[in-house]
Amino acid sequence: VYLQMNSLKPEDTALYYCAATLSAPYHDWSWVRGEYDYWG
């Protein structure tokens, strides 16, 4: 998975990490700020 970041600002400074989940429903985005199964 990729994250293309353009027009970067100082406030974008951070440690960026990815996460994976099996339990995401298919019909909405309600899961995105919930729990994940794996983290980098």
All heavy atoms as atom14 arrays in JSON, in Angstrom:
{
  "sequence": "VYLQMNSLKPEDTALYYCAATLSAPYHDWSWVRGEYDYWG",
  "atom14_mask": [
    [1, 1, 1, 1, 1, 1, 1, 0, 0, 0, 0, 0, 0, 0],
    [1, 1, 1, 1, 1, 1, 1, 1, 1, 1, 1, 1, 0, 0],
    [1, 1, 1, 1, 1, 1, 1, 1, 0, 0, 0, 0, 0, 0],
    [1, 1, 1, 1, 1, 1, 1, 1, 1, 0, 0, 0, 0, 0],
    [1, 1, 1, 1, 1, 1, 1, 1, 0, 0, 0, 0, 0, 0],
    [1, 1, 1, 1, 1, 1, 1, 1, 0, 0, 0, 0, 0, 0],
    [1, 1, 1, 1, 1, 1, 0, 0, 0, 0, 0, 0, 0, 0],
    [1, 1, 1, 1, 1, 1, 1, 1, 0, 0, 0, 0, 0, 0],
    [1, 1, 1, 1, 1, 1, 1, 1, 1, 0, 0, 0, 0, 0],
    [1, 1, 1, 1, 1, 1, 1, 0, 0, 0, 0, 0, 0, 0],
    [1, 1, 1, 1, 1, 1, 1, 1, 1, 0, 0, 0, 0, 0],
    [1, 1, 1, 1, 1, 1, 1, 1, 0, 0, 0, 0, 0, 0],
    [1, 1, 1, 1, 1, 1, 1, 0, 0, 0, 0, 0, 0, 0],
    [1, 1, 1, 1, 1, 0, 0, 0, 0, 0, 0, 0, 0, 0],
    [1, 1, 1, 1, 1, 1, 1, 1, 0, 0, 0, 0, 0, 0],
    [1, 1, 1, 1, 1, 1, 1, 1, 1, 1, 1, 1, 0, 0],
    [1, 1, 1, 1, 1, 1, 1, 1, 1, 1, 1, 1, 0, 0],
    [1, 1, 1, 1, 1, 1, 0, 0, 0, 0, 0, 0, 0, 0],
    [1, 1, 1, 1, 1, 0, 0, 0, 0, 0, 0, 0, 0, 0],
    [1, 1, 1, 1, 1, 0, 0, 0, 0, 0, 0, 0, 0, 0],
    [1, 1, 1, 1, 1, 1, 1, 0, 0, 0, 0, 0, 0, 0],
    [1, 1, 1, 1, 1, 1, 1, 1, 0, 0, 0, 0, 0, 0],
    [1, 1, 1, 1, 1, 1, 0, 0, 0, 0, 0, 0, 0, 0],
    [1, 1, 1, 1, 1, 0, 0, 0, 0, 0, 0, 0, 0, 0],
    [1, 1, 1, 1, 1, 1, 1, 0, 0, 0, 0, 0, 0, 0],
    [1, 1, 1, 1, 1, 1, 1, 1, 1, 1, 1, 1, 0, 0],
    [1, 1, 1, 1, 1, 1, 1, 1, 1, 1, 0, 0, 0, 0],
    [1, 1, 1, 1, 1, 1, 1, 1, 0, 0, 0, 0, 0, 0],
    [1, 1, 1, 1, 1, 1, 1, 1, 1, 1, 1, 1, 1, 1],
    [1, 1, 1, 1, 1, 1, 0, 0, 0, 0, 0, 0, 0, 0],
    [1, 1, 1, 1, 1, 1, 1, 1, 1, 1, 1, 1, 1, 1],
    [1, 1, 1, 1, 1, 1, 1, 0, 0, 0, 0, 0, 0, 0],
    [1, 1, 1, 1, 1, 1, 1, 1, 1, 1, 1, 0, 0, 0],
    [1, 1, 1, 1, 0, 0, 0, 0, 0, 0, 0, 0, 0, 0],
    [1, 1, 1, 1, 1, 1, 1, 1, 1, 0, 0, 0, 0, 0],
    [1, 1, 1, 1, 1, 1, 1, 1, 1, 1, 1, 1, 0, 0],
    [1, 1, 1, 1, 1, 1, 1, 1, 0, 0, 0, 0, 0, 0],
    [1, 1, 1, 1, 1, 1, 1, 1, 1, 1, 1, 1, 0, 0],
    [1, 1, 1, 1, 1, 1, 1, 1, 1, 1, 1, 1, 1, 1],
    [1, 1, 1, 1, 0, 0, 0, 0, 0, 0, 0, 0, 0, 0]
  ],
  "atom14_positions": [
    [[0.86, -1.18, 0.0], [0.0, 0.0, 0.0], [0.9, 1.23, 0.0], [1.99, 1.22, 0.59], [-0.98, -0.01, 1.2], [-0.23, 0.03, 2.52], [-1.97, 1.14, 1.09], [0.0, 0.0, 0.0], [0.0, 0.0, 0.0], [0.0, 0.0, 0.0], [0.0, 0.0, 0.0], [0.0, 0.0, 0.0], [0.0, 0.0, 0.0], [0.0, 0.0, 0.0]],
    [[0.46, 2.3, -0.67], [1.25, 3.5, -0.84], [0.52, 4.72, -0.29], [-0.71, 4.74, -0.21], [1.55, 3.75, -2.32], [2.22, 2.61, -3.02], [1.47, 1.67, -3.73], [3.59, 2.46, -2.99], [2.07, 0.62, -4.38], [4.21, 1.4, -3.64], [3.44, 0.48, -4.33], [4.05, -0.57, -4.98], [0.0, 0.0, 0.0], [0.0, 0.0, 0.0]],
    [[1.29, 5.74, 0.05], [0.73, 7.04, 0.37], [1.56, 8.09, -0.35], [2.7, 8.36, 0.03], [0.74, 7.3, 1.88], [0.05, 8.6, 2.32], [-1.46, 8.51, 2.06], [0.32, 8.9, 3.78], [0.0, 0.0, 0.0], [0.0, 0.0, 0.0], [0.0, 0.0, 0.0], [0.0, 0.0, 0.0], [0.0, 0.0, 0.0], [0.0, 0.0, 0.0]],
    [[0.99, 8.66, -1.42], [1.63, 9.74, -2.15], [1.29, 11.05, -1.46], [0.11, 11.38, -1.32], [1.17, 9.77, -3.6], [1.74, 10.91, -4.42], [3.22, 10.78, -4.64], [3.71, 9.71, -4.98], [3.95, 11.86, -4.43], [0.0, 0.0, 0.0], [0.0, 0.0, 0.0], [0.0, 0.0, 0.0], [0.0, 0.0, 0.0], [0.0, 0.0, 0.0]],
    [[2.29, 11.8, -1.03], [2.1, 13.03, -0.28], [2.67, 14.19, -1.08], [3.88, 14.24, -1.33], [2.76, 12.95, 1.09], [2.29, 11.76, 1.92], [3.02, 11.76, 3.58], [4.74, 11.54, 3.15], [0.0, 0.0, 0.0], [0.0, 0.0, 0.0], [0.0, 0.0, 0.0], [0.0, 0.0, 0.0], [0.0, 0.0, 0.0], [0.0, 0.0, 0.0]],
    [[1.82, 15.11, -1.49], [2.22, 16.3, -2.23], [1.92, 17.55, -1.43], [1.16, 17.52, -0.47], [1.49, 16.36, -3.57], [1.77, 15.19, -4.47], [2.87, 14.64, -4.47], [0.78, 14.8, -5.26], [0.0, 0.0, 0.0], [0.0, 0.0, 0.0], [0.0, 0.0, 0.0], [0.0, 0.0, 0.0], [0.0, 0.0, 0.0], [0.0, 0.0, 0.0]],
    [[2.52, 18.66, -1.84], [2.31, 19.95, -1.18], [2.47, 19.85, 0.32], [1.65, 20.34, 1.1], [0.92, 20.5, -1.53], [0.77, 20.65, -2.93], [0.0, 0.0, 0.0], [0.0, 0.0, 0.0], [0.0, 0.0, 0.0], [0.0, 0.0, 0.0], [0.0, 0.0, 0.0], [0.0, 0.0, 0.0], [0.0, 0.0, 0.0], [0.0, 0.0, 0.0]],
    [[3.56, 19.25, 0.74], [3.77, 18.97, 2.16], [3.96, 20.26, 2.96], [4.54, 21.23, 2.48], [4.96, 18.05, 2.34], [4.68, 16.58, 2.03], [5.97, 15.82, 1.81], [3.86, 15.96, 3.15], [0.0, 0.0, 0.0], [0.0, 0.0, 0.0], [0.0, 0.0, 0.0], [0.0, 0.0, 0.0], [0.0, 0.0, 0.0], [0.0, 0.0, 0.0]],
    [[3.46, 20.22, 4.18], [3.52, 21.34, 5.12], [4.25, 20.91, 6.38], [4.29, 19.72, 6.7], [2.1, 21.79, 5.5], [1.2, 22.13, 4.32], [-0.22, 22.4, 4.8], [-1.14, 22.7, 3.63], [-2.54, 22.95, 4.1], [0.0, 0.0, 0.0], [0.0, 0.0, 0.0], [0.0, 0.0, 0.0], [0.0, 0.0, 0.0], [0.0, 0.0, 0.0]],
    [[4.83, 21.86, 7.13], [5.48, 21.48, 8.38], [4.58, 20.7, 9.33], [5.07, 19.82, 10.05], [5.9, 22.83, 8.98], [6.11, 23.7, 7.79], [5.05, 23.27, 6.8], [0.0, 0.0, 0.0], [0.0, 0.0, 0.0], [0.0, 0.0, 0.0], [0.0, 0.0, 0.0], [0.0, 0.0, 0.0], [0.0, 0.0, 0.0], [0.0, 0.0, 0.0]],
    [[3.3, 20.98, 9.34], [2.38, 20.27, 10.21], [2.15, 18.82, 9.8], [1.51, 18.07, 10.54], [1.04, 21.01, 10.33], [0.43, 21.4, 9.0], [0.73, 22.84, 8.62], [1.89, 23.27, 8.73], [-0.22, 23.56, 8.22], [0.0, 0.0, 0.0], [0.0, 0.0, 0.0], [0.0, 0.0, 0.0], [0.0, 0.0, 0.0], [0.0, 0.0, 0.0]],
    [[2.67, 18.41, 8.64], [2.63, 17.01, 8.25], [3.76, 16.2, 8.88], [3.78, 14.97, 8.75], [2.73, 16.87, 6.73], [1.53, 17.47, 6.01], [0.39, 17.26, 6.48], [1.74, 18.13, 4.97], [0.0, 0.0, 0.0], [0.0, 0.0, 0.0], [0.0, 0.0, 0.0], [0.0, 0.0, 0.0], [0.0, 0.0, 0.0], [0.0, 0.0, 0.0]],
    [[4.69, 16.86, 9.55], [5.8, 16.17, 10.19], [5.29, 15.21, 11.26], [4.57, 15.61, 12.17], [6.77, 17.18, 10.81], [7.36, 17.98, 9.77], [7.88, 16.48, 11.59], [0.0, 0.0, 0.0], [0.0, 0.0, 0.0], [0.0, 0.0, 0.0], [0.0, 0.0, 0.0], [0.0, 0.0, 0.0], [0.0, 0.0, 0.0], [0.0, 0.0, 0.0]],
    [[5.67, 13.94, 11.13], [5.18, 12.91, 12.05], [5.83, 11.58, 11.7], [6.46, 11.42, 10.66], [3.66, 12.77, 11.97], [0.0, 0.0, 0.0], [0.0, 0.0, 0.0], [0.0, 0.0, 0.0], [0.0, 0.0, 0.0], [0.0, 0.0, 0.0], [0.0, 0.0, 0.0], [0.0, 0.0, 0.0], [0.0, 0.0, 0.0], [0.0, 0.0, 0.0]],
    [[5.65, 10.61, 12.59], [5.92, 9.22, 12.27], [4.68, 8.65, 11.6], [3.59, 8.68, 12.18], [6.25, 8.44, 13.54], [6.6, 6.97, 13.35], [7.93, 6.83, 12.62], [6.66, 6.25, 14.69], [0.0, 0.0, 0.0], [0.0, 0.0, 0.0], [0.0, 0.0, 0.0], [0.0, 0.0, 0.0], [0.0, 0.0, 0.0], [0.0, 0.0, 0.0]],
    [[4.84, 8.15, 10.39], [3.73, 7.59, 9.62], [3.8, 6.07, 9.65], [4.86, 5.49, 9.41], [3.8, 8.06, 8.17], [3.35, 9.49, 7.96], [4.13, 10.56, 8.4], [2.15, 9.78, 7.32], [3.72, 11.86, 8.23], [1.74, 11.09, 7.13], [2.52, 12.12, 7.58], [2.11, 13.43, 7.4], [0.0, 0.0, 0.0], [0.0, 0.0, 0.0]],
    [[2.68, 5.44, 9.94], [2.66, 3.99, 9.95], [1.37, 3.46, 9.34], [0.34, 4.13, 9.31], [2.88, 3.44, 11.36], [2.06, 4.07, 12.45], [0.88, 3.49, 12.88], [2.48, 5.24, 13.08], [0.12, 4.05, 13.89], [1.73, 5.82, 14.1], [0.55, 5.22, 14.5], [-0.19, 5.79, 15.51], [0.0, 0.0, 0.0], [0.0, 0.0, 0.0]],
    [[1.45, 2.24, 8.84], [0.3, 1.64, 8.2], [-0.32, 0.58, 9.11], [0.32, 0.09, 10.05], [0.66, 1.04, 6.83], [1.84, -0.32, 6.87], [0.0, 0.0, 0.0], [0.0, 0.0, 0.0], [0.0, 0.0, 0.0], [0.0, 0.0, 0.0], [0.0, 0.0, 0.0], [0.0, 0.0, 0.0], [0.0, 0.0, 0.0], [0.0, 0.0, 0.0]],
    [[-1.55, 0.25, 8.83], [-2.3, -0.7, 9.63], [-3.23, -1.51, 8.74], [-3.65, -1.03, 7.67], [-3.1, 0.02, 10.72], [0.0, 0.0, 0.0], [0.0, 0.0, 0.0], [0.0, 0.0, 0.0], [0.0, 0.0, 0.0], [0.0, 0.0, 0.0], [0.0, 0.0, 0.0], [0.0, 0.0, 0.0], [0.0, 0.0, 0.0], [0.0, 0.0, 0.0]],
    [[-3.57, -2.71, 9.18], [-4.41, -3.62, 8.43], [-5.53, -4.15, 9.3], [-5.34, -4.4, 10.49], [-3.58, -4.79, 7.89], [0.0, 0.0, 0.0], [0.0, 0.0, 0.0], [0.0, 0.0, 0.0], [0.0, 0.0, 0.0], [0.0, 0.0, 0.0], [0.0, 0.0, 0.0], [0.0, 0.0, 0.0], [0.0, 0.0, 0.0], [0.0, 0.0, 0.0]],
    [[-6.7, -4.34, 8.7], [-7.83, -4.9, 9.43], [-8.61, -5.87, 8.56], [-8.83, -5.62, 7.37], [-8.77, -3.8, 9.96], [-9.88, -4.41, 10.64], [-9.29, -2.9, 8.85], [0.0, 0.0, 0.0], [0.0, 0.0, 0.0], [0.0, 0.0, 0.0], [0.0, 0.0, 0.0], [0.0, 0.0, 0.0], [0.0, 0.0, 0.0], [0.0, 0.0, 0.0]],
    [[-9.03, -6.97, 9.16], [-9.9, -7.94, 8.5], [-11.37, -7.59, 8.63], [-12.19, -8.05, 7.82], [-9.69, -9.33, 9.1], [-8.48, -10.14, 8.68], [-8.36, -11.37, 9.57], [-8.59, -10.54, 7.22], [0.0, 0.0, 0.0], [0.0, 0.0, 0.0], [0.0, 0.0, 0.0], [0.0, 0.0, 0.0], [0.0, 0.0, 0.0], [0.0, 0.0, 0.0]],
    [[-11.72, -6.79, 9.62], [-13.11, -6.64, 10.03], [-13.83, -5.46, 9.4], [-14.97, -5.17, 9.78], [-13.2, -6.55, 11.55], [-12.46, -5.45, 12.03], [0.0, 0.0, 0.0], [0.0, 0.0, 0.0], [0.0, 0.0, 0.0], [0.0, 0.0, 0.0], [0.0, 0.0, 0.0], [0.0, 0.0, 0.0], [0.0, 0.0, 0.0], [0.0, 0.0, 0.0]],
    [[-13.21, -4.75, 8.49], [-13.85, -3.59, 7.88], [-15.09, -4.0, 7.11], [-15.02, -4.88, 6.25], [-12.88, -2.88, 6.94], [0.0, 0.0, 0.0], [0.0, 0.0, 0.0], [0.0, 0.0, 0.0], [0.0, 0.0, 0.0], [0.0, 0.0, 0.0], [0.0, 0.0, 0.0], [0.0, 0.0, 0.0], [0.0, 0.0, 0.0], [0.0, 0.0, 0.0]],
    [[-16.23, -3.38, 7.4], [-17.41, -3.66, 6.59], [-17.24, -3.11, 5.19], [-16.41, -2.22, 4.94], [-18.54, -2.94, 7.34], [-17.85, -1.84, 8.09], [-16.5, -2.39, 8.46], [0.0, 0.0, 0.0], [0.0, 0.0, 0.0], [0.0, 0.0, 0.0], [0.0, 0.0, 0.0], [0.0, 0.0, 0.0], [0.0, 0.0, 0.0], [0.0, 0.0, 0.0]],
    [[-18.02, -3.62, 4.27], [-17.89, -3.23, 2.87], [-18.72, -2.03, 2.47], [-18.51, -1.47, 1.4], [-18.27, -4.41, 1.97], [-17.24, -5.51, 1.93], [-17.14, -6.45, 2.94], [-16.35, -5.59, 0.86], [-16.18, -7.44, 2.9], [-15.4, -6.6, 0.81], [-15.33, -7.52, 1.84], [-14.38, -8.52, 1.78], [0.0, 0.0, 0.0], [0.0, 0.0, 0.0]],
    [[-19.67, -1.63, 3.33], [-20.66, -0.64, 2.91], [-20.39, 0.78, 3.35], [-21.06, 1.7, 2.87], [-22.05, -1.06, 3.42], [-22.16, -1.12, 4.9], [-21.65, -2.15, 5.65], [-22.72, -0.25, 5.79], [-21.89, -1.93, 6.93], [-22.55, -0.79, 7.04], [0.0, 0.0, 0.0], [0.0, 0.0, 0.0], [0.0, 0.0, 0.0], [0.0, 0.0, 0.0]],
    [[-19.45, 1.01, 4.26], [-19.18, 2.37, 4.72], [-17.74, 2.5, 5.21], [-16.95, 1.55, 5.12], [-20.18, 2.81, 5.79], [-20.12, 1.97, 7.06], [-19.11, 1.29, 7.31], [-21.11, 2.0, 7.82], [0.0, 0.0, 0.0], [0.0, 0.0, 0.0], [0.0, 0.0, 0.0], [0.0, 0.0, 0.0], [0.0, 0.0, 0.0], [0.0, 0.0, 0.0]],
    [[-17.4, 3.69, 5.74], [-16.06, 3.97, 6.25], [-16.02, 4.1, 7.76], [-15.1, 4.69, 8.32], [-15.51, 5.26, 5.63], [-15.32, 5.16, 4.15], [-16.14, 5.66, 3.18], [-14.25, 4.5, 3.48], [-15.63, 5.37, 1.94], [-14.48, 4.65, 2.09], [-13.13, 3.8, 3.91], [-13.62, 4.13, 1.13], [-12.27, 3.27, 2.96], [-12.51, 3.44, 1.59]],
    [[-17.02, 3.54, 8.44], [-17.12, 3.67, 9.89], [-15.96, 3.02, 10.63], [-15.7, 3.34, 11.79], [-18.45, 3.1, 10.38], [-18.53, 1.71, 10.09], [0.0, 0.0, 0.0], [0.0, 0.0, 0.0], [0.0, 0.0, 0.0], [0.0, 0.0, 0.0], [0.0, 0.0, 0.0], [0.0, 0.0, 0.0], [0.0, 0.0, 0.0], [0.0, 0.0, 0.0]],
    [[-15.24, 2.13, 9.99], [-14.19, 1.36, 10.63], [-12.84, 2.08, 10.73], [-11.96, 1.63, 11.46], [-13.97, 0.05, 9.85], [-13.68, 0.27, 8.39], [-14.6, 0.4, 7.39], [-12.41, 0.4, 7.78], [-13.98, 0.59, 6.18], [-12.62, 0.6, 6.39], [-11.1, 0.36, 8.26], [-11.58, 0.76, 5.48], [-10.05, 0.53, 7.36], [-10.3, 0.71, 5.98]],
    [[-12.67, 3.18, 9.98], [-11.31, 3.68, 9.74], [-10.61, 4.18, 11.0], [-9.37, 4.12, 11.08], [-11.29, 4.78, 8.66], [-11.87, 4.25, 7.34], [-12.05, 6.03, 9.11], [0.0, 0.0, 0.0], [0.0, 0.0, 0.0], [0.0, 0.0, 0.0], [0.0, 0.0, 0.0], [0.0, 0.0, 0.0], [0.0, 0.0, 0.0], [0.0, 0.0, 0.0]],
    [[-11.36, 4.67, 11.98], [-10.75, 5.17, 13.22], [-10.92, 4.19, 14.37], [-10.7, 4.54, 15.53], [-11.31, 6.55, 13.58], [-10.91, 7.63, 12.58], [-11.53, 8.98, 12.91], [-11.03, 10.03, 12.03], [-11.56, 10.32, 10.85], [-12.63, 9.65, 10.4], [-11.04, 11.29, 10.1], [0.0, 0.0, 0.0], [0.0, 0.0, 0.0], [0.0, 0.0, 0.0]],
    [[-11.29, 2.95, 14.05], [-11.45, 1.91, 15.04], [-10.21, 1.05, 15.21], [-9.08, 1.5, 14.96], [0.0, 0.0, 0.0], [0.0, 0.0, 0.0], [0.0, 0.0, 0.0], [0.0, 0.0, 0.0], [0.0, 0.0, 0.0], [0.0, 0.0, 0.0], [0.0, 0.0, 0.0], [0.0, 0.0, 0.0], [0.0, 0.0, 0.0], [0.0, 0.0, 0.0]],
    [[-10.4, -0.18, 15.64], [-9.28, -1.07, 15.92], [-8.76, -1.74, 14.66], [-9.51, -2.0, 13.72], [-9.7, -2.12, 16.95], [-10.05, -1.54, 18.31], [-10.35, -2.59, 19.34], [-10.27, -3.79, 19.01], [-10.66, -2.23, 20.48], [0.0, 0.0, 0.0], [0.0, 0.0, 0.0], [0.0, 0.0, 0.0], [0.0, 0.0, 0.0], [0.0, 0.0, 0.0]],
    [[-7.47, -2.05, 14.66], [-6.8, -2.74, 13.56], [-6.11, -3.99, 14.08], [-5.75, -4.09, 15.25], [-5.79, -1.81, 12.88], [-6.46, -0.74, 12.06], [-7.04, 0.36, 12.67], [-6.51, -0.83, 10.67], [-7.68, 1.35, 11.92], [-7.13, 0.15, 9.92], [-7.71, 1.23, 10.55], [-8.34, 2.2, 9.79], [0.0, 0.0, 0.0], [0.0, 0.0, 0.0]],
    [[-5.91, -4.95, 13.18], [-5.32, -6.22, 13.55], [-3.8, -6.19, 13.55], [-3.16, -6.9, 14.34], [-5.81, -7.32, 12.6], [-7.31, -7.52, 12.68], [-7.8, -7.86, 13.77], [-7.99, -7.32, 11.64], [0.0, 0.0, 0.0], [0.0, 0.0, 0.0], [0.0, 0.0, 0.0], [0.0, 0.0, 0.0], [0.0, 0.0, 0.0], [0.0, 0.0, 0.0]],
    [[-3.19, -5.4, 12.67], [-1.74, -5.34, 12.53], [-1.29, -3.92, 12.28], [-1.98, -3.14, 11.62], [-1.27, -6.23, 11.37], [-1.65, -7.67, 11.53], [-2.76, -8.19, 10.88], [-0.9, -8.52, 12.34], [-3.13, -9.51, 11.03], [-1.27, -9.84, 12.5], [-2.38, -10.33, 11.84], [-2.74, -11.64, 11.99], [0.0, 0.0, 0.0], [0.0, 0.0, 0.0]],
    [[-0.1, -3.59, 12.81], [0.52, -2.28, 12.67], [1.97, -2.42, 12.26], [2.66, -3.34, 12.71], [0.46, -1.49, 13.98], [-0.91, -1.13, 14.43], [-1.77, -1.9, 15.16], [-1.59, 0.11, 14.2], [-2.93, -1.22, 15.4], [-2.85, 0.01, 14.83], [-1.25, 1.29, 13.54], [-3.78, 1.06, 14.8], [-2.17, 2.32, 13.51], [-3.42, 2.2, 14.13]],
    [[2.45, -1.5, 11.44], [3.86, -1.39, 11.17], [4.56, -0.57, 12.24], [3.93, -0.04, 13.17], [0.0, 0.0, 0.0], [0.0, 0.0, 0.0], [0.0, 0.0, 0.0], [0.0, 0.0, 0.0], [0.0, 0.0, 0.0], [0.0, 0.0, 0.0], [0.0, 0.0, 0.0], [0.0, 0.0, 0.0], [0.0, 0.0, 0.0], [0.0, 0.0, 0.0]]
  ]
}
